[in-house]
Amino acid sequence: MSLNQTILRHKPLDRVVHWTVALTGIWTLLSGLSFMFAPLHFLSYVYGTPQLARILHPFGAIVMTVGLFFLVIRYWSHNHFEKGDLQWMLKVKDVLTENEENVPEAGQYNAGQKMLLRQFIACGVLLLVTGLIAWRAYFSAYFSIDVIRIALIVHSITALVFALSLIIHAYMAYWVKGSIDGMLEGKVSAAWAKKHHPRWFRSLSDNKDQH
């Protein structure tokens, strides 16, 4: 396989859903921060008005969560932990300093991406469950005030963890040059794949040679 050719990494539907999750995630996080911290009340205007923010926040969150779970189903088969993943995580400093020759070779996704996916799953489940419990218009009447208070605390903490995960995900995508192009256009160069995901690159090369 020529290093100059391009490789399909993300299909069109996956890219559309990914960016839908990203946009609705940012949308709901901003409005959620406006509910949690009074000085950030102005963020509620991302929905137009504070009143609309209260109404639409849960619906935006549902769109985000459904999209997230869709992506989990699509990508899960490529994100099982494998031999070498623990060593990869122990050598993450070499990854950050671009000494990837000292790091166990990654497949289609590296150990950091696999960990982040699981973090997104955990956050998505917690946010969905606690959000439904506290959703005044439909479900909160079925729960005691103590349960709702606990749900709101867990929801707020989880949202902050989720926000941190999004920041890490976005930063790493920006830091690894070519990653954002892969999610925008769907394709990456063979040279990029060989450098960052060598085992995946070899599997693609071997499959091509067999055809």
N, C-alpha and C. Protein backbone atom coordinates (compact mmCIF):
# COMPACT_ATOMS: atom_id res chain seq x y z
N MET A 1 0.84 -1.20 0.00
CA MET A 1 0.00 0.00 0.00
C MET A 1 0.87 1.25 0.00
N SER A 2 0.61 2.13 -0.94
CA SER A 2 1.37 3.38 -1.02
C SER A 2 1.02 4.29 0.15
N LEU A 3 2.03 4.93 0.73
CA LEU A 3 1.81 5.83 1.85
C LEU A 3 1.13 7.12 1.43
N ASN A 4 1.05 7.36 0.13
CA ASN A 4 0.41 8.59 -0.37
C ASN A 4 -1.10 8.45 -0.54
N GLN A 5 -1.58 7.22 -0.56
CA GLN A 5 -3.01 7.04 -0.78
C GLN A 5 -3.80 7.28 0.51
N THR A 6 -5.11 7.44 0.37
CA THR A 6 -5.95 7.70 1.53
C THR A 6 -6.73 6.44 1.91
N ILE A 7 -7.09 6.38 3.19
CA ILE A 7 -7.80 5.23 3.75
C ILE A 7 -9.08 5.72 4.41
N LEU A 8 -10.17 5.00 4.18
CA LEU A 8 -11.43 5.34 4.84
C LEU A 8 -11.34 4.98 6.32
N ARG A 9 -11.57 5.96 7.18
CA ARG A 9 -11.54 5.72 8.63
C ARG A 9 -12.92 5.86 9.26
N HIS A 10 -13.72 6.81 8.78
CA HIS A 10 -15.05 7.02 9.35
C HIS A 10 -16.07 7.17 8.22
N LYS A 11 -17.12 6.36 8.27
CA LYS A 11 -18.17 6.41 7.25
C LYS A 11 -19.02 7.67 7.42
N PRO A 12 -19.70 8.10 6.34
CA PRO A 12 -20.48 9.35 6.40
C PRO A 12 -21.49 9.41 7.56
N LEU A 13 -22.25 8.33 7.76
CA LEU A 13 -23.24 8.33 8.84
C LEU A 13 -22.58 8.51 10.20
N ASP A 14 -21.45 7.84 10.41
CA ASP A 14 -20.74 7.96 11.68
C ASP A 14 -20.25 9.38 11.91
N ARG A 15 -19.82 10.03 10.84
CA ARG A 15 -19.33 11.41 10.98
C ARG A 15 -20.48 12.36 11.32
N VAL A 16 -21.61 12.17 10.66
CA VAL A 16 -22.77 13.03 10.94
C VAL A 16 -23.21 12.87 12.39
N VAL A 17 -23.29 11.63 12.85
CA VAL A 17 -23.71 11.39 14.23
C VAL A 17 -22.67 11.93 15.21
N HIS A 18 -21.39 11.75 14.90
CA HIS A 18 -20.33 12.26 15.77
C HIS A 18 -20.46 13.75 15.99
N TRP A 19 -20.64 14.51 14.91
CA TRP A 19 -20.72 15.96 15.03
C TRP A 19 -22.04 16.39 15.66
N THR A 20 -23.09 15.59 15.47
CA THR A 20 -24.35 15.87 16.17
C THR A 20 -24.18 15.72 17.67
N VAL A 21 -23.50 14.64 18.07
CA VAL A 21 -23.20 14.43 19.49
C VAL A 21 -22.33 15.56 20.04
N ALA A 22 -21.33 15.95 19.26
CA ALA A 22 -20.42 17.02 19.71
C ALA A 22 -21.17 18.33 19.92
N LEU A 23 -21.99 18.70 18.95
CA LEU A 23 -22.70 19.98 19.03
C LEU A 23 -23.76 19.99 20.13
N THR A 24 -24.55 18.91 20.21
CA THR A 24 -25.56 18.85 21.26
C THR A 24 -24.92 18.71 22.64
N GLY A 25 -23.75 18.04 22.68
CA GLY A 25 -23.03 17.92 23.94
C GLY A 25 -22.57 19.28 24.45
N ILE A 26 -22.00 20.07 23.57
CA ILE A 26 -21.57 21.43 23.95
C ILE A 26 -22.78 22.27 24.34
N TRP A 27 -23.83 22.15 23.56
CA TRP A 27 -25.08 22.89 23.79
C TRP A 27 -25.64 22.61 25.19
N THR A 28 -25.74 21.33 25.54
CA THR A 28 -26.31 20.97 26.83
C THR A 28 -25.35 21.28 27.98
N LEU A 29 -24.05 21.14 27.75
CA LEU A 29 -23.09 21.47 28.80
C LEU A 29 -23.13 22.95 29.14
N LEU A 30 -23.22 23.79 28.13
CA LEU A 30 -23.27 25.24 28.38
C LEU A 30 -24.52 25.62 29.16
N SER A 31 -25.66 25.07 28.75
CA SER A 31 -26.89 25.39 29.47
C SER A 31 -26.86 24.80 30.88
N GLY A 32 -26.28 23.59 31.00
CA GLY A 32 -26.17 22.98 32.32
C GLY A 32 -25.31 23.80 33.27
N LEU A 33 -24.21 24.34 32.75
CA LEU A 33 -23.35 25.20 33.57
C LEU A 33 -24.10 26.44 34.03
N SER A 34 -24.98 26.94 33.17
CA SER A 34 -25.76 28.13 33.55
C SER A 34 -26.73 27.81 34.69
N PHE A 35 -27.18 26.55 34.77
CA PHE A 35 -28.07 26.16 35.87
C PHE A 35 -27.29 25.98 37.18
N MET A 36 -26.04 25.50 37.06
CA MET A 36 -25.24 25.16 38.23
C MET A 36 -24.60 26.38 38.89
N PHE A 37 -24.15 27.32 38.07
CA PHE A 37 -23.39 28.45 38.59
C PHE A 37 -24.05 29.76 38.17
N ALA A 38 -24.51 30.52 39.14
CA ALA A 38 -25.22 31.78 38.86
C ALA A 38 -24.42 32.75 37.99
N PRO A 39 -23.09 32.90 38.20
CA PRO A 39 -22.33 33.83 37.35
C PRO A 39 -22.32 33.43 35.87
N LEU A 40 -22.66 32.16 35.59
CA LEU A 40 -22.67 31.67 34.20
C LEU A 40 -24.09 31.64 33.63
N HIS A 41 -24.98 32.35 34.26
CA HIS A 41 -26.38 32.36 33.82
C HIS A 41 -26.52 32.77 32.35
N PHE A 42 -25.61 33.64 31.89
CA PHE A 42 -25.69 34.12 30.50
C PHE A 42 -25.58 32.99 29.49
N LEU A 43 -24.98 31.85 29.89
CA LEU A 43 -24.83 30.73 28.97
C LEU A 43 -26.17 30.12 28.58
N SER A 44 -27.19 30.37 29.39
CA SER A 44 -28.51 29.81 29.07
C SER A 44 -29.07 30.38 27.78
N TYR A 45 -28.49 31.49 27.32
CA TYR A 45 -28.98 32.12 26.09
C TYR A 45 -28.56 31.35 24.83
N VAL A 46 -27.78 30.26 24.99
CA VAL A 46 -27.48 29.43 23.82
C VAL A 46 -28.77 28.82 23.26
N TYR A 47 -29.81 28.77 24.09
CA TYR A 47 -31.10 28.25 23.64
C TYR A 47 -32.06 29.37 23.24
N GLY A 48 -31.62 30.61 23.34
CA GLY A 48 -32.48 31.74 23.01
C GLY A 48 -32.85 32.54 24.24
N THR A 49 -33.47 31.86 25.21
CA THR A 49 -33.83 32.50 26.48
C THR A 49 -33.60 31.50 27.61
N PRO A 50 -33.44 31.98 28.85
CA PRO A 50 -33.29 31.06 29.99
C PRO A 50 -34.47 30.10 30.13
N GLN A 51 -35.67 30.59 29.82
CA GLN A 51 -36.86 29.73 29.92
C GLN A 51 -36.79 28.58 28.92
N LEU A 52 -36.40 28.92 27.69
CA LEU A 52 -36.25 27.87 26.67
C LEU A 52 -35.14 26.90 27.03
N ALA A 53 -34.09 27.41 27.67
CA ALA A 53 -32.98 26.55 28.09
C ALA A 53 -33.48 25.46 29.03
N ARG A 54 -34.32 25.85 29.98
CA ARG A 54 -34.88 24.88 30.93
C ARG A 54 -35.72 23.81 30.22
N ILE A 55 -36.45 24.24 29.21
CA ILE A 55 -37.33 23.32 28.49
C ILE A 55 -36.55 22.42 27.54
N LEU A 56 -35.61 23.01 26.79
CA LEU A 56 -34.94 22.28 25.71
C LEU A 56 -33.71 21.51 26.16
N HIS A 57 -33.12 21.87 27.29
CA HIS A 57 -31.92 21.18 27.77
C HIS A 57 -32.09 19.66 27.79
N PRO A 58 -33.18 19.12 28.36
CA PRO A 58 -33.33 17.66 28.39
C PRO A 58 -33.45 17.04 27.01
N PHE A 59 -34.12 17.74 26.09
CA PHE A 59 -34.29 17.19 24.75
C PHE A 59 -32.95 17.15 24.00
N GLY A 60 -32.15 18.21 24.16
CA GLY A 60 -30.82 18.21 23.57
C GLY A 60 -29.97 17.10 24.15
N ALA A 61 -30.12 16.85 25.45
CA ALA A 61 -29.36 15.79 26.11
C ALA A 61 -29.76 14.41 25.59
N ILE A 62 -31.05 14.23 25.31
CA ILE A 62 -31.50 12.94 24.78
C ILE A 62 -30.93 12.70 23.39
N VAL A 63 -30.94 13.72 22.55
CA VAL A 63 -30.34 13.59 21.21
C VAL A 63 -28.87 13.21 21.33
N MET A 64 -28.16 13.89 22.24
CA MET A 64 -26.74 13.60 22.45
C MET A 64 -26.54 12.16 22.91
N THR A 65 -27.34 11.72 23.87
CA THR A 65 -27.17 10.38 24.44
C THR A 65 -27.50 9.29 23.43
N VAL A 66 -28.57 9.47 22.68
CA VAL A 66 -28.93 8.48 21.66
C VAL A 66 -27.82 8.38 20.61
N GLY A 67 -27.30 9.54 20.19
CA GLY A 67 -26.19 9.55 19.23
C GLY A 67 -24.96 8.89 19.79
N LEU A 68 -24.67 9.15 21.07
CA LEU A 68 -23.50 8.55 21.71
C LEU A 68 -23.61 7.04 21.74
N PHE A 69 -24.77 6.52 22.13
CA PHE A 69 -24.95 5.07 22.20
C PHE A 69 -24.92 4.45 20.80
N PHE A 70 -25.40 5.18 19.81
CA PHE A 70 -25.30 4.70 18.42
C PHE A 70 -23.83 4.52 18.04
N LEU A 71 -23.00 5.51 18.37
CA LEU A 71 -21.57 5.42 18.04
C LEU A 71 -20.89 4.30 18.81
N VAL A 72 -21.31 4.09 20.05
CA VAL A 72 -20.74 2.99 20.84
C VAL A 72 -20.99 1.67 20.14
N ILE A 73 -22.21 1.46 19.66
CA ILE A 73 -22.55 0.23 18.95
C ILE A 73 -21.71 0.10 17.68
N ARG A 74 -21.54 1.19 16.97
CA ARG A 74 -20.80 1.17 15.70
C ARG A 74 -19.31 0.88 15.91
N TYR A 75 -18.74 1.41 17.00
CA TYR A 75 -17.29 1.35 17.18
C TYR A 75 -16.84 0.31 18.20
N TRP A 76 -17.76 -0.31 18.90
CA TRP A 76 -17.38 -1.17 20.01
C TRP A 76 -16.48 -2.33 19.57
N SER A 77 -16.77 -2.93 18.43
CA SER A 77 -16.00 -4.11 18.00
C SER A 77 -14.53 -3.80 17.76
N HIS A 78 -14.21 -2.52 17.55
CA HIS A 78 -12.81 -2.13 17.32
C HIS A 78 -12.15 -1.60 18.59
N ASN A 79 -12.88 -1.67 19.71
CA ASN A 79 -12.37 -1.05 20.93
C ASN A 79 -12.24 -2.01 22.10
N HIS A 80 -12.10 -3.30 21.81
CA HIS A 80 -11.83 -4.26 22.87
C HIS A 80 -10.38 -4.09 23.32
N PHE A 81 -10.15 -4.28 24.61
CA PHE A 81 -8.78 -4.20 25.10
C PHE A 81 -7.98 -5.40 24.59
N GLU A 82 -6.72 -5.14 24.25
CA GLU A 82 -5.86 -6.16 23.67
C GLU A 82 -4.52 -6.19 24.40
N LYS A 83 -3.75 -7.21 24.09
CA LYS A 83 -2.40 -7.31 24.63
C LYS A 83 -1.60 -6.08 24.19
N GLY A 84 -0.94 -5.46 25.11
CA GLY A 84 -0.15 -4.27 24.80
C GLY A 84 -0.82 -2.97 25.20
N ASP A 85 -2.14 -3.01 25.45
CA ASP A 85 -2.85 -1.78 25.82
C ASP A 85 -2.38 -1.22 27.16
N LEU A 86 -2.14 -2.12 28.12
CA LEU A 86 -1.66 -1.66 29.43
C LEU A 86 -0.30 -1.00 29.30
N GLN A 87 0.59 -1.62 28.52
CA GLN A 87 1.91 -1.03 28.29
C GLN A 87 1.80 0.31 27.58
N TRP A 88 0.85 0.41 26.67
CA TRP A 88 0.63 1.68 25.96
C TRP A 88 0.28 2.77 26.96
N MET A 89 -0.62 2.46 27.90
CA MET A 89 -1.03 3.46 28.89
C MET A 89 0.12 3.83 29.83
N LEU A 90 0.95 2.86 30.15
CA LEU A 90 2.09 3.14 31.02
C LEU A 90 3.14 3.99 30.32
N LYS A 91 3.12 3.97 29.00
CA LYS A 91 4.09 4.75 28.22
C LYS A 91 3.44 5.96 27.54
N VAL A 92 2.34 6.45 28.13
CA VAL A 92 1.62 7.56 27.51
C VAL A 92 2.50 8.81 27.40
N LYS A 93 3.49 8.93 28.27
CA LYS A 93 4.41 10.08 28.19
C LYS A 93 5.14 10.07 26.85
N ASP A 94 5.52 8.87 26.38
CA ASP A 94 6.19 8.77 25.08
C ASP A 94 5.23 9.14 23.95
N VAL A 95 3.95 8.84 24.14
CA VAL A 95 2.95 9.22 23.13
C VAL A 95 2.87 10.74 23.04
N LEU A 96 2.82 11.39 24.20
CA LEU A 96 2.67 12.84 24.25
C LEU A 96 3.91 13.57 23.74
N THR A 97 5.07 12.92 23.87
CA THR A 97 6.31 13.54 23.39
C THR A 97 6.68 13.06 21.99
N GLU A 98 5.72 12.34 21.35
CA GLU A 98 5.87 11.86 19.97
C GLU A 98 7.03 10.88 19.80
N ASN A 99 7.33 10.13 20.86
CA ASN A 99 8.31 9.04 20.76
C ASN A 99 7.56 7.72 20.61
N GLU A 100 6.74 7.65 19.57
CA GLU A 100 5.84 6.51 19.43
C GLU A 100 6.55 5.21 19.10
N GLU A 101 7.84 5.30 18.75
CA GLU A 101 8.60 4.08 18.50
C GLU A 101 8.82 3.30 19.80
N ASN A 102 8.67 3.97 20.94
CA ASN A 102 8.85 3.31 22.24
C ASN A 102 7.55 2.75 22.81
N VAL A 103 6.46 2.92 22.06
CA VAL A 103 5.13 2.54 22.55
C VAL A 103 4.64 1.30 21.80
N PRO A 104 3.98 0.36 22.50
CA PRO A 104 3.40 -0.79 21.79
C PRO A 104 2.49 -0.33 20.65
N GLU A 105 2.54 -1.03 19.55
CA GLU A 105 1.79 -0.63 18.37
C GLU A 105 0.28 -0.68 18.62
N ALA A 106 -0.39 0.36 18.15
CA ALA A 106 -1.85 0.44 18.31
C ALA A 106 -2.55 -0.15 17.09
N GLY A 107 -3.73 -0.70 17.35
CA GLY A 107 -4.58 -1.17 16.27
C GLY A 107 -5.41 -0.01 15.73
N GLN A 108 -6.65 -0.28 15.36
CA GLN A 108 -7.48 0.79 14.80
C GLN A 108 -7.69 1.92 15.80
N TYR A 109 -7.74 1.56 17.10
CA TYR A 109 -7.83 2.57 18.15
C TYR A 109 -6.84 2.22 19.25
N ASN A 110 -6.25 3.26 19.85
CA ASN A 110 -5.26 3.01 20.89
C ASN A 110 -5.94 2.88 22.26
N ALA A 111 -5.14 2.52 23.26
CA ALA A 111 -5.68 2.27 24.59
C ALA A 111 -6.33 3.52 25.19
N GLY A 112 -5.77 4.68 24.92
CA GLY A 112 -6.35 5.92 25.42
C GLY A 112 -7.74 6.16 24.86
N GLN A 113 -7.92 5.90 23.58
CA GLN A 113 -9.23 6.06 22.95
C GLN A 113 -10.24 5.06 23.50
N LYS A 114 -9.77 3.85 23.79
CA LYS A 114 -10.65 2.82 24.35
C LYS A 114 -11.10 3.20 25.76
N MET A 115 -10.18 3.74 26.54
CA MET A 115 -10.53 4.19 27.89
C MET A 115 -11.53 5.34 27.84
N LEU A 116 -11.29 6.26 26.92
CA LEU A 116 -12.17 7.43 26.81
C LEU A 116 -13.57 7.01 26.37
N LEU A 117 -13.65 6.03 25.48
CA LEU A 117 -14.96 5.53 25.05
C LEU A 117 -15.75 5.00 26.24
N ARG A 118 -15.08 4.24 27.10
CA ARG A 118 -15.75 3.69 28.28
C ARG A 118 -16.16 4.79 29.26
N GLN A 119 -15.36 5.82 29.32
CA GLN A 119 -15.71 6.95 30.17
C GLN A 119 -16.95 7.66 29.63
N PHE A 120 -17.02 7.81 28.32
CA PHE A 120 -18.21 8.40 27.70
C PHE A 120 -19.46 7.55 27.95
N ILE A 121 -19.29 6.22 27.88
CA ILE A 121 -20.43 5.33 28.14
C ILE A 121 -20.94 5.51 29.56
N ALA A 122 -20.02 5.47 30.53
CA ALA A 122 -20.41 5.61 31.94
C ALA A 122 -21.09 6.95 32.18
N CYS A 123 -20.51 8.01 31.63
CA CYS A 123 -21.11 9.34 31.80
C CYS A 123 -22.48 9.42 31.14
N GLY A 124 -22.59 8.84 29.94
CA GLY A 124 -23.86 8.88 29.22
C GLY A 124 -24.97 8.19 29.99
N VAL A 125 -24.67 7.02 30.57
CA VAL A 125 -25.68 6.28 31.34
C VAL A 125 -26.09 7.07 32.58
N LEU A 126 -25.10 7.58 33.32
CA LEU A 126 -25.40 8.33 34.55
C LEU A 126 -26.17 9.62 34.25
N LEU A 127 -25.76 10.32 33.21
CA LEU A 127 -26.46 11.56 32.86
C LEU A 127 -27.90 11.29 32.44
N LEU A 128 -28.10 10.21 31.68
CA LEU A 128 -29.45 9.88 31.23
C LEU A 128 -30.35 9.52 32.41
N VAL A 129 -29.88 8.63 33.27
CA VAL A 129 -30.70 8.16 34.39
C VAL A 129 -31.00 9.29 35.36
N THR A 130 -29.97 10.02 35.77
CA THR A 130 -30.19 11.10 36.75
C THR A 130 -30.97 12.25 36.14
N GLY A 131 -30.76 12.50 34.86
CA GLY A 131 -31.50 13.56 34.19
C GLY A 131 -32.99 13.25 34.10
N LEU A 132 -33.31 11.99 33.81
CA LEU A 132 -34.73 11.59 33.74
C LEU A 132 -35.39 11.71 35.11
N ILE A 133 -34.67 11.32 36.16
CA ILE A 133 -35.22 11.41 37.51
C ILE A 133 -35.58 12.85 37.87
N ALA A 134 -34.71 13.78 37.44
CA ALA A 134 -34.90 15.19 37.80
C ALA A 134 -35.74 15.98 36.79
N TRP A 135 -36.20 15.31 35.73
CA TRP A 135 -36.94 16.02 34.67
C TRP A 135 -38.34 16.36 35.17
N ARG A 136 -38.52 17.61 35.57
CA ARG A 136 -39.73 18.04 36.27
C ARG A 136 -40.99 17.84 35.44
N ALA A 137 -40.89 18.08 34.15
CA ALA A 137 -42.10 18.04 33.31
C ALA A 137 -42.70 16.64 33.17
N TYR A 138 -41.87 15.60 33.35
CA TYR A 138 -42.36 14.26 33.05
C TYR A 138 -42.15 13.22 34.15
N PHE A 139 -41.01 13.25 34.84
CA PHE A 139 -40.68 12.12 35.70
C PHE A 139 -40.44 12.44 37.17
N SER A 140 -40.09 13.66 37.50
CA SER A 140 -39.68 13.94 38.88
C SER A 140 -40.79 13.70 39.90
N ALA A 141 -42.05 13.77 39.47
CA ALA A 141 -43.17 13.56 40.40
C ALA A 141 -43.20 12.13 40.95
N TYR A 142 -42.51 11.22 40.27
CA TYR A 142 -42.52 9.82 40.70
C TYR A 142 -41.44 9.53 41.75
N PHE A 143 -40.63 10.53 42.09
CA PHE A 143 -39.52 10.30 43.02
C PHE A 143 -39.60 11.26 44.20
N SER A 144 -39.04 10.82 45.32
CA SER A 144 -39.01 11.68 46.50
C SER A 144 -38.00 12.81 46.30
N ILE A 145 -38.13 13.85 47.10
CA ILE A 145 -37.22 14.99 46.98
C ILE A 145 -35.79 14.60 47.28
N ASP A 146 -35.60 13.64 48.20
CA ASP A 146 -34.24 13.19 48.53
C ASP A 146 -33.60 12.49 47.34
N VAL A 147 -34.37 11.66 46.65
CA VAL A 147 -33.85 10.97 45.46
C VAL A 147 -33.50 11.98 44.38
N ILE A 148 -34.35 12.98 44.20
CA ILE A 148 -34.10 14.00 43.18
C ILE A 148 -32.83 14.79 43.51
N ARG A 149 -32.65 15.12 44.79
CA ARG A 149 -31.45 15.86 45.19
C ARG A 149 -30.18 15.06 44.92
N ILE A 150 -30.22 13.78 45.28
CA ILE A 150 -29.06 12.92 45.01
C ILE A 150 -28.81 12.83 43.51
N ALA A 151 -29.89 12.68 42.73
CA ALA A 151 -29.76 12.59 41.27
C ALA A 151 -29.12 13.85 40.71
N LEU A 152 -29.52 15.01 41.22
CA LEU A 152 -28.96 16.27 40.73
C LEU A 152 -27.49 16.42 41.07
N ILE A 153 -27.10 15.96 42.26
CA ILE A 153 -25.68 16.01 42.64
C ILE A 153 -24.85 15.11 41.72
N VAL A 154 -25.33 13.86 41.54
CA VAL A 154 -24.62 12.92 40.66
C VAL A 154 -24.59 13.45 39.24
N HIS A 155 -25.70 14.02 38.80
CA HIS A 155 -25.80 14.58 37.44
C HIS A 155 -24.77 15.69 37.24
N SER A 156 -24.65 16.57 38.22
CA SER A 156 -23.73 17.71 38.10
C SER A 156 -22.28 17.25 38.08
N ILE A 157 -21.93 16.32 38.97
CA ILE A 157 -20.55 15.82 39.01
C ILE A 157 -20.22 15.09 37.72
N THR A 158 -21.15 14.26 37.26
CA THR A 158 -20.93 13.50 36.02
C THR A 158 -20.79 14.44 34.83
N ALA A 159 -21.58 15.51 34.81
CA ALA A 159 -21.50 16.48 33.71
C ALA A 159 -20.12 17.13 33.65
N LEU A 160 -19.54 17.41 34.82
CA LEU A 160 -18.20 18.01 34.85
C LEU A 160 -17.15 17.01 34.35
N VAL A 161 -17.30 15.75 34.74
CA VAL A 161 -16.39 14.70 34.24
C VAL A 161 -16.54 14.56 32.73
N PHE A 162 -17.78 14.59 32.26
CA PHE A 162 -18.06 14.48 30.83
C PHE A 162 -17.45 15.65 30.07
N ALA A 163 -17.56 16.86 30.65
CA ALA A 163 -16.97 18.04 30.02
C ALA A 163 -15.46 17.90 29.92
N LEU A 164 -14.84 17.40 30.98
CA LEU A 164 -13.39 17.19 30.96
C LEU A 164 -13.01 16.16 29.90
N SER A 165 -13.80 15.11 29.78
CA SER A 165 -13.54 14.08 28.77
C SER A 165 -13.64 14.66 27.36
N LEU A 166 -14.63 15.52 27.14
CA LEU A 166 -14.78 16.16 25.83
C LEU A 166 -13.58 17.04 25.51
N ILE A 167 -13.10 17.77 26.52
CA ILE A 167 -11.94 18.64 26.32
C ILE A 167 -10.71 17.81 25.96
N ILE A 168 -10.50 16.71 26.68
CA ILE A 168 -9.36 15.83 26.39
C ILE A 168 -9.48 15.26 24.99
N HIS A 169 -10.68 14.80 24.64
CA HIS A 169 -10.92 14.23 23.32
C HIS A 169 -10.64 15.25 22.22
N ALA A 170 -11.14 16.47 22.41
CA ALA A 170 -10.94 17.52 21.40
C ALA A 170 -9.47 17.92 21.31
N TYR A 171 -8.81 18.01 22.46
CA TYR A 171 -7.40 18.41 22.45
C TYR A 171 -6.54 17.36 21.75
N MET A 172 -6.78 16.08 22.05
CA MET A 172 -5.99 15.03 21.43
C MET A 172 -6.24 14.96 19.93
N ALA A 173 -7.49 15.21 19.52
CA ALA A 173 -7.80 15.22 18.08
C ALA A 173 -7.05 16.35 17.39
N TYR A 174 -6.97 17.49 18.06
CA TYR A 174 -6.23 18.63 17.50
C TYR A 174 -4.73 18.36 17.53
N TRP A 175 -4.26 17.75 18.60
CA TRP A 175 -2.82 17.52 18.79
C TRP A 175 -2.28 16.51 17.78
N VAL A 176 -3.04 15.45 17.51
CA VAL A 176 -2.61 14.44 16.52
C VAL A 176 -3.05 14.94 15.15
N LYS A 177 -2.15 15.59 14.47
CA LYS A 177 -2.46 16.21 13.19
C LYS A 177 -3.03 15.18 12.20
N GLY A 178 -4.15 15.53 11.60
CA GLY A 178 -4.79 14.63 10.64
C GLY A 178 -6.04 13.96 11.19
N SER A 179 -6.17 13.94 12.53
CA SER A 179 -7.32 13.28 13.14
C SER A 179 -8.63 14.00 12.84
N ILE A 180 -8.61 15.32 12.95
CA ILE A 180 -9.83 16.09 12.69
C ILE A 180 -10.24 15.97 11.23
N ASP A 181 -9.25 15.98 10.32
CA ASP A 181 -9.56 15.79 8.90
C ASP A 181 -10.25 14.44 8.68
N GLY A 182 -9.80 13.43 9.44
CA GLY A 182 -10.40 12.11 9.31
C GLY A 182 -11.87 12.10 9.69
N MET A 183 -12.23 12.92 10.70
CA MET A 183 -13.63 12.96 11.12
C MET A 183 -14.44 13.93 10.28
N LEU A 184 -13.79 14.87 9.61
CA LEU A 184 -14.50 15.80 8.72
C LEU A 184 -14.70 15.19 7.34
N GLU A 185 -13.65 14.60 6.80
CA GLU A 185 -13.68 14.08 5.44
C GLU A 185 -13.83 12.57 5.38
N GLY A 186 -13.59 11.90 6.49
CA GLY A 186 -13.75 10.46 6.54
C GLY A 186 -12.49 9.67 6.21
N LYS A 187 -11.49 10.33 5.66
CA LYS A 187 -10.29 9.62 5.22
C LYS A 187 -9.03 10.17 5.88
N VAL A 188 -8.05 9.28 6.03
CA VAL A 188 -6.73 9.66 6.52
C VAL A 188 -5.70 9.12 5.54
N SER A 189 -4.51 9.66 5.59
CA SER A 189 -3.46 9.16 4.70
C SER A 189 -2.92 7.84 5.24
N ALA A 190 -2.41 7.02 4.34
CA ALA A 190 -1.80 5.76 4.76
C ALA A 190 -0.60 6.03 5.66
N ALA A 191 0.11 7.13 5.39
CA ALA A 191 1.26 7.50 6.23
C ALA A 191 0.80 7.80 7.66
N TRP A 192 -0.33 8.46 7.80
CA TRP A 192 -0.89 8.77 9.13
C TRP A 192 -1.23 7.47 9.85
N ALA A 193 -1.89 6.56 9.15
CA ALA A 193 -2.28 5.29 9.75
C ALA A 193 -1.05 4.49 10.17
N LYS A 194 -0.03 4.48 9.35
CA LYS A 194 1.18 3.72 9.67
C LYS A 194 1.88 4.29 10.89
N LYS A 195 1.86 5.61 11.04
CA LYS A 195 2.54 6.25 12.16
C LYS A 195 1.78 6.07 13.47
N HIS A 196 0.47 6.29 13.45
CA HIS A 196 -0.31 6.33 14.69
C HIS A 196 -1.03 5.02 15.02
N HIS A 197 -1.33 4.21 13.99
CA HIS A 197 -2.05 2.96 14.20
C HIS A 197 -1.44 1.87 13.31
N PRO A 198 -0.18 1.53 13.57
CA PRO A 198 0.55 0.63 12.66
C PRO A 198 -0.06 -0.75 12.49
N ARG A 199 -0.63 -1.33 13.54
CA ARG A 199 -1.23 -2.66 13.38
C ARG A 199 -2.47 -2.59 12.49
N TRP A 200 -3.23 -1.53 12.61
CA TRP A 200 -4.39 -1.32 11.73
C TRP A 200 -3.91 -1.15 10.29
N PHE A 201 -2.86 -0.38 10.09
CA PHE A 201 -2.31 -0.15 8.76
C PHE A 201 -1.88 -1.47 8.13
N ARG A 202 -1.18 -2.31 8.90
CA ARG A 202 -0.71 -3.59 8.36
C ARG A 202 -1.87 -4.50 8.01
N SER A 203 -2.92 -4.49 8.84
CA SER A 203 -4.07 -5.35 8.54
C SER A 203 -4.74 -4.91 7.24
N LEU A 204 -4.82 -3.62 7.01
CA LEU A 204 -5.39 -3.11 5.75
C LEU A 204 -4.50 -3.47 4.57
N SER A 205 -3.19 -3.35 4.76
CA SER A 205 -2.25 -3.69 3.68
C SER A 205 -2.32 -5.16 3.35
N ASP A 206 -2.40 -6.01 4.39
CA ASP A 206 -2.47 -7.45 4.17
C ASP A 206 -3.75 -7.83 3.44
N ASN A 207 -4.87 -7.21 3.84
CA ASN A 207 -6.14 -7.51 3.18
C ASN A 207 -6.12 -7.09 1.72
N LYS A 208 -5.47 -5.96 1.44
CA LYS A 208 -5.40 -5.48 0.06
C LYS A 208 -4.53 -6.41 -0.78
N ASP A 209 -3.44 -6.90 -0.17
CA ASP A 209 -2.54 -7.79 -0.90
C ASP A 209 -3.21 -9.12 -1.24
N GLN A 210 -4.18 -9.52 -0.41
CA GLN A 210 -4.85 -10.81 -0.62
C GLN A 210 -5.91 -10.74 -1.71
N HIS A 211 -6.31 -9.50 -2.08
CA HIS A 211 -7.36 -9.35 -3.10
C HIS A 211 -6.75 -9.06 -4.48
